[in-house]
Amino acid sequence: MKENYGAVSGPDAYARLTDPCGDTIEFYLKFNKARIKKSGFTTDGYELLWFTVKWFRR
């Protein structure tokens, strides 16, 4: 999972979400044609971090 944590330089897609308690998560994607080449995320919230770890492991 550590390989996906962190911002991706020059992403093709980016999303930022903030929940009601103020925790923020950012997603970054780079594509090669129609395939994901690299993905990454950052978060400042503990609960969001564990949700994201579980989601990326699917």
PDB file of N, CA and C in Angstrom:
ATOM      1  N   MET A   1       0.804  -1.192   0.000  1.00  0.00           N
ATOM      2  CA  MET A   1       0.000   0.000   0.000  1.00  0.00           C
ATOM      3  C   MET A   1       0.847   1.255   0.000  1.00  0.00           C
ATOM      4  N   LYS A   2       2.029   1.176   0.553  1.00  0.00           N
ATOM      5  CA  LYS A   2       2.885   2.353   0.628  1.00  0.00           C
ATOM      6  C   LYS A   2       3.211   2.910  -0.751  1.00  0.00           C
ATOM      7  N   GLU A   3       3.246   2.053  -1.761  1.00  0.00           N
ATOM      8  CA  GLU A   3       3.574   2.527  -3.100  1.00  0.00           C
ATOM      9  C   GLU A   3       2.486   3.427  -3.686  1.00  0.00           C
ATOM     10  N   ASN A   4       1.283   3.390  -3.143  1.00  0.00           N
ATOM     11  CA  ASN A   4       0.197   4.248  -3.625  1.00  0.00           C
ATOM     12  C   ASN A   4       0.009   5.508  -2.785  1.00  0.00           C
ATOM     13  N   TYR A   5       0.671   5.582  -1.622  1.00  0.00           N
ATOM     14  CA  TYR A   5       0.502   6.770  -0.792  1.00  0.00           C
ATOM     15  C   TYR A   5       1.417   7.880  -1.294  1.00  0.00           C
ATOM     16  N   GLY A   6       0.819   9.030  -1.549  1.00  0.00           N
ATOM     17  CA  GLY A   6       1.574  10.191  -2.003  1.00  0.00           C
ATOM     18  C   GLY A   6       0.973  10.767  -3.271  1.00  0.00           C
ATOM     19  N   ALA A   7       1.289  12.017  -3.514  1.00  0.00           N
ATOM     20  CA  ALA A   7       0.790  12.699  -4.709  1.00  0.00           C
ATOM     21  C   ALA A   7       1.506  12.166  -5.947  1.00  0.00           C
ATOM     22  N   VAL A   8       0.819  12.192  -7.078  1.00  0.00           N
ATOM     23  CA  VAL A   8       1.380  11.804  -8.365  1.00  0.00           C
ATOM     24  C   VAL A   8       1.632  13.084  -9.154  1.00  0.00           C
ATOM     25  N   SER A   9       2.836  13.237  -9.644  1.00  0.00           N
ATOM     26  CA  SER A   9       3.210  14.432 -10.391  1.00  0.00           C
ATOM     27  C   SER A   9       2.504  14.470 -11.747  1.00  0.00           C
ATOM     28  N   GLY A  10       1.878  15.595 -12.061  1.00  0.00           N
ATOM     29  CA  GLY A  10       1.204  15.769 -13.353  1.00  0.00           C
ATOM     30  C   GLY A  10       0.085  14.783 -13.609  1.00  0.00           C
ATOM     31  N   PRO A  11      -0.868  14.634 -12.676  1.00  0.00           N
ATOM     32  CA  PRO A  11      -1.929  13.641 -12.856  1.00  0.00           C
ATOM     33  C   PRO A  11      -2.876  14.004 -14.008  1.00  0.00           C
ATOM     34  N   ASP A  12      -3.446  12.977 -14.620  1.00  0.00           N
ATOM     35  CA  ASP A  12      -4.472  13.169 -15.650  1.00  0.00           C
ATOM     36  C   ASP A  12      -5.842  13.371 -15.011  1.00  0.00           C
ATOM     37  N   ALA A  13      -6.012  12.839 -13.806  1.00  0.00           N
ATOM     38  CA  ALA A  13      -7.274  12.995 -13.072  1.00  0.00           C
ATOM     39  C   ALA A  13      -6.946  13.257 -11.609  1.00  0.00           C
ATOM     40  N   TYR A  14      -7.762  14.090 -10.987  1.00  0.00           N
ATOM     41  CA  TYR A  14      -7.535  14.480  -9.591  1.00  0.00           C
ATOM     42  C   TYR A  14      -8.888  14.708  -8.937  1.00  0.00           C
ATOM     43  N   ALA A  15      -9.015  14.268  -7.680  1.00  0.00           N
ATOM     44  CA  ALA A  15     -10.234  14.534  -6.912  1.00  0.00           C
ATOM     45  C   ALA A  15      -9.839  14.837  -5.482  1.00  0.00           C
ATOM     46  N   ARG A  16     -10.571  15.760  -4.870  1.00  0.00           N
ATOM     47  CA  ARG A  16     -10.347  16.116  -3.463  1.00  0.00           C
ATOM     48  C   ARG A  16     -11.689  16.083  -2.760  1.00  0.00           C
ATOM     49  N   LEU A  17     -11.758  15.344  -1.666  1.00  0.00           N
ATOM     50  CA  LEU A  17     -12.983  15.215  -0.896  1.00  0.00           C
ATOM     51  C   LEU A  17     -12.705  15.568   0.558  1.00  0.00           C
ATOM     52  N   THR A  18     -13.624  16.307   1.156  1.00  0.00           N
ATOM     53  CA  THR A  18     -13.528  16.645   2.576  1.00  0.00           C
ATOM     54  C   THR A  18     -14.820  16.220   3.254  1.00  0.00           C
ATOM     55  N   ASP A  19     -14.694  15.425   4.323  1.00  0.00           N
ATOM     56  CA  ASP A  19     -15.893  14.964   5.024  1.00  0.00           C
ATOM     57  C   ASP A  19     -16.338  16.013   6.042  1.00  0.00           C
ATOM     58  N   PRO A  20     -17.502  15.825   6.664  1.00  0.00           N
ATOM     59  CA  PRO A  20     -18.049  16.826   7.588  1.00  0.00           C
ATOM     60  C   PRO A  20     -17.146  17.157   8.789  1.00  0.00           C
ATOM     61  N   CYS A  21     -16.296  16.217   9.207  1.00  0.00           N
ATOM     62  CA  CYS A  21     -15.428  16.508  10.355  1.00  0.00           C
ATOM     63  C   CYS A  21     -14.138  17.201   9.937  1.00  0.00           C
ATOM     64  N   GLY A  22     -13.948  17.432   8.629  1.00  0.00           N
ATOM     65  CA  GLY A  22     -12.805  18.193   8.155  1.00  0.00           C
ATOM     66  C   GLY A  22     -11.652  17.372   7.610  1.00  0.00           C
ATOM     67  N   ASP A  23     -11.741  16.037   7.666  1.00  0.00           N
ATOM     68  CA  ASP A  23     -10.694  15.196   7.082  1.00  0.00           C
ATOM     69  C   ASP A  23     -10.747  15.315   5.559  1.00  0.00           C
ATOM     70  N   THR A  24      -9.593  15.374   4.932  1.00  0.00           N
ATOM     71  CA  THR A  24      -9.511  15.527   3.481  1.00  0.00           C
ATOM     72  C   THR A  24      -8.718  14.385   2.881  1.00  0.00           C
ATOM     73  N   ILE A  25      -9.166  13.908   1.719  1.00  0.00           N
ATOM     74  CA  ILE A  25      -8.439  12.894   0.951  1.00  0.00           C
ATOM     75  C   ILE A  25      -8.334  13.380  -0.491  1.00  0.00           C
ATOM     76  N   GLU A  26      -7.183  13.146  -1.089  1.00  0.00           N
ATOM     77  CA  GLU A  26      -6.958  13.512  -2.480  1.00  0.00           C
ATOM     78  C   GLU A  26      -6.532  12.264  -3.250  1.00  0.00           C
ATOM     79  N   PHE A  27      -7.108  12.074  -4.441  1.00  0.00           N
ATOM     80  CA  PHE A  27      -6.773  10.962  -5.323  1.00  0.00           C
ATOM     81  C   PHE A  27      -6.115  11.500  -6.575  1.00  0.00           C
ATOM     82  N   TYR A  28      -5.113  10.783  -7.067  1.00  0.00           N
ATOM     83  CA  TYR A  28      -4.384  11.158  -8.279  1.00  0.00           C
ATOM     84  C   TYR A  28      -4.310   9.947  -9.206  1.00  0.00           C
ATOM     85  N   LEU A  29      -4.547  10.157 -10.509  1.00  0.00           N
ATOM     86  CA  LEU A  29      -4.437   9.080 -11.491  1.00  0.00           C
ATOM     87  C   LEU A  29      -3.678   9.559 -12.717  1.00  0.00           C
ATOM     88  N   LYS A  30      -2.818   8.691 -13.240  1.00  0.00           N
ATOM     89  CA  LYS A  30      -2.156   8.910 -14.529  1.00  0.00           C
ATOM     90  C   LYS A  30      -2.552   7.746 -15.423  1.00  0.00           C
ATOM     91  N   PHE A  31      -2.848   8.049 -16.680  1.00  0.00           N
ATOM     92  CA  PHE A  31      -3.295   7.027 -17.624  1.00  0.00           C
ATOM     93  C   PHE A  31      -2.306   6.810 -18.749  1.00  0.00           C
ATOM     94  N   ASN A  32      -2.305   5.599 -19.281  1.00  0.00           N
ATOM     95  CA  ASN A  32      -1.615   5.241 -20.508  1.00  0.00           C
ATOM     96  C   ASN A  32      -2.700   4.681 -21.413  1.00  0.00           C
ATOM     97  N   LYS A  33      -3.151   5.499 -22.350  1.00  0.00           N
ATOM     98  CA  LYS A  33      -4.321   5.196 -23.168  1.00  0.00           C
ATOM     99  C   LYS A  33      -5.513   5.035 -22.229  1.00  0.00           C
ATOM    100  N   ALA A  34      -6.172   3.882 -22.206  1.00  0.00           N
ATOM    101  CA  ALA A  34      -7.358   3.697 -21.365  1.00  0.00           C
ATOM    102  C   ALA A  34      -7.047   2.951 -20.061  1.00  0.00           C
ATOM    103  N   ARG A  35      -5.770   2.767 -19.750  1.00  0.00           N
ATOM    104  CA  ARG A  35      -5.386   2.016 -18.553  1.00  0.00           C
ATOM    105  C   ARG A  35      -4.741   2.941 -17.515  1.00  0.00           C
ATOM    106  N   ILE A  36      -4.960   2.616 -16.259  1.00  0.00           N
ATOM    107  CA  ILE A  36      -4.324   3.382 -15.186  1.00  0.00           C
ATOM    108  C   ILE A  36      -2.849   3.002 -15.135  1.00  0.00           C
ATOM    109  N   LYS A  37      -1.997   3.999 -15.287  1.00  0.00           N
ATOM    110  CA  LYS A  37      -0.544   3.799 -15.265  1.00  0.00           C
ATOM    111  C   LYS A  37       0.004   3.949 -13.843  1.00  0.00           C
ATOM    112  N   LYS A  38      -0.528   4.933 -13.108  1.00  0.00           N
ATOM    113  CA  LYS A  38      -0.080   5.187 -11.740  1.00  0.00           C
ATOM    114  C   LYS A  38      -1.219   5.810 -10.950  1.00  0.00           C
ATOM    115  N   SER A  39      -1.318   5.440  -9.684  1.00  0.00           N
ATOM    116  CA  SER A  39      -2.336   6.021  -8.819  1.00  0.00           C
ATOM    117  C   SER A  39      -1.701   6.408  -7.494  1.00  0.00           C
ATOM    118  N   GLY A  40      -2.319   7.367  -6.841  1.00  0.00           N
ATOM    119  CA  GLY A  40      -1.827   7.788  -5.541  1.00  0.00           C
ATOM    120  C   GLY A  40      -2.918   8.482  -4.756  1.00  0.00           C
ATOM    121  N   PHE A  41      -2.677   8.631  -3.464  1.00  0.00           N
ATOM    122  CA  PHE A  41      -3.622   9.346  -2.618  1.00  0.00           C
ATOM    123  C   PHE A  41      -2.873   9.962  -1.446  1.00  0.00           C
ATOM    124  N   THR A  42      -3.442  11.006  -0.895  1.00  0.00           N
ATOM    125  CA  THR A  42      -2.969  11.592   0.363  1.00  0.00           C
ATOM    126  C   THR A  42      -4.195  11.849   1.221  1.00  0.00           C
ATOM    127  N   THR A  43      -3.991  11.850   2.515  1.00  0.00           N
ATOM    128  CA  THR A  43      -5.086  12.146   3.436  1.00  0.00           C
ATOM    129  C   THR A  43      -4.526  12.735   4.719  1.00  0.00           C
ATOM    130  N   ASP A  44      -5.333  13.536   5.376  1.00  0.00           N
ATOM    131  CA  ASP A  44      -4.935  14.067   6.675  1.00  0.00           C
ATOM    132  C   ASP A  44      -5.821  13.505   7.778  1.00  0.00           C
ATOM    133  N   GLY A  45      -6.647  12.529   7.429  1.00  0.00           N
ATOM    134  CA  GLY A  45      -7.559  11.947   8.409  1.00  0.00           C
ATOM    135  C   GLY A  45      -7.281  10.475   8.631  1.00  0.00           C
ATOM    136  N   TYR A  46      -7.256  10.069   9.875  1.00  0.00           N
ATOM    137  CA  TYR A  46      -6.966   8.698  10.254  1.00  0.00           C
ATOM    138  C   TYR A  46      -8.000   7.720   9.698  1.00  0.00           C
ATOM    139  N   GLU A  47      -9.279   8.014   9.852  1.00  0.00           N
ATOM    140  CA  GLU A  47     -10.319   7.097   9.385  1.00  0.00           C
ATOM    141  C   GLU A  47     -10.322   6.988   7.873  1.00  0.00           C
ATOM    142  N   LEU A  48     -10.109   8.095   7.191  1.00  0.00           N
ATOM    143  CA  LEU A  48     -10.054   8.050   5.729  1.00  0.00           C
ATOM    144  C   LEU A  48      -8.868   7.234   5.248  1.00  0.00           C
ATOM    145  N   LEU A  49      -7.752   7.295   5.965  1.00  0.00           N
ATOM    146  CA  LEU A  49      -6.572   6.523   5.576  1.00  0.00           C
ATOM    147  C   LEU A  49      -6.892   5.038   5.562  1.00  0.00           C
ATOM    148  N   TRP A  50      -7.533   4.528   6.604  1.00  0.00           N
ATOM    149  CA  TRP A  50      -7.828   3.096   6.659  1.00  0.00           C
ATOM    150  C   TRP A  50      -8.883   2.693   5.645  1.00  0.00           C
ATOM    151  N   PHE A  51      -9.865   3.544   5.386  1.00  0.00           N
ATOM    152  CA  PHE A  51     -10.842   3.255   4.342  1.00  0.00           C
ATOM    153  C   PHE A  51     -10.141   3.144   2.994  1.00  0.00           C
ATOM    154  N   THR A  52      -9.232   4.048   2.709  1.00  0.00           N
ATOM    155  CA  THR A  52      -8.527   4.060   1.433  1.00  0.00           C
ATOM    156  C   THR A  52      -7.637   2.837   1.287  1.00  0.00           C
ATOM    157  N   VAL A  53      -6.941   2.453   2.348  1.00  0.00           N
ATOM    158  CA  VAL A  53      -6.098   1.262   2.303  1.00  0.00           C
ATOM    159  C   VAL A  53      -6.938   0.052   1.946  1.00  0.00           C
ATOM    160  N   LYS A  54      -8.095  -0.103   2.567  1.00  0.00           N
ATOM    161  CA  LYS A  54      -8.972  -1.241   2.264  1.00  0.00           C
ATOM    162  C   LYS A  54      -9.475  -1.178   0.832  1.00  0.00           C
ATOM    163  N   TRP A  55      -9.809   0.011   0.336  1.00  0.00           N
ATOM    164  CA  TRP A  55     -10.331   0.162  -1.018  1.00  0.00           C
ATOM    165  C   TRP A  55      -9.270  -0.198  -2.055  1.00  0.00           C
ATOM    166  N   PHE A  56      -8.017   0.242  -1.891  1.00  0.00           N
ATOM    167  CA  PHE A  56      -6.964  -0.047  -2.849  1.00  0.00           C
ATOM    168  C   PHE A  56      -6.591  -1.514  -2.855  1.00  0.00           C
ATOM    169  N   ARG A  57      -6.824  -2.234  -1.776  1.00  0.00           N
ATOM    170  CA  ARG A  57      -6.478  -3.652  -1.707  1.00  0.00           C
ATOM    171  C   ARG A  57      -7.510  -4.547  -2.384  1.00  0.00           C
ATOM    172  N   ARG A  58      -8.647  -4.002  -2.803  1.00  0.00           N
ATOM    173  CA  ARG A  58      -9.673  -4.831  -3.442  1.00  0.00           C
ATOM    174  C   ARG A  58      -9.204  -5.331  -4.770  1.00  0.00           C
TER     175      ARG A  58
END
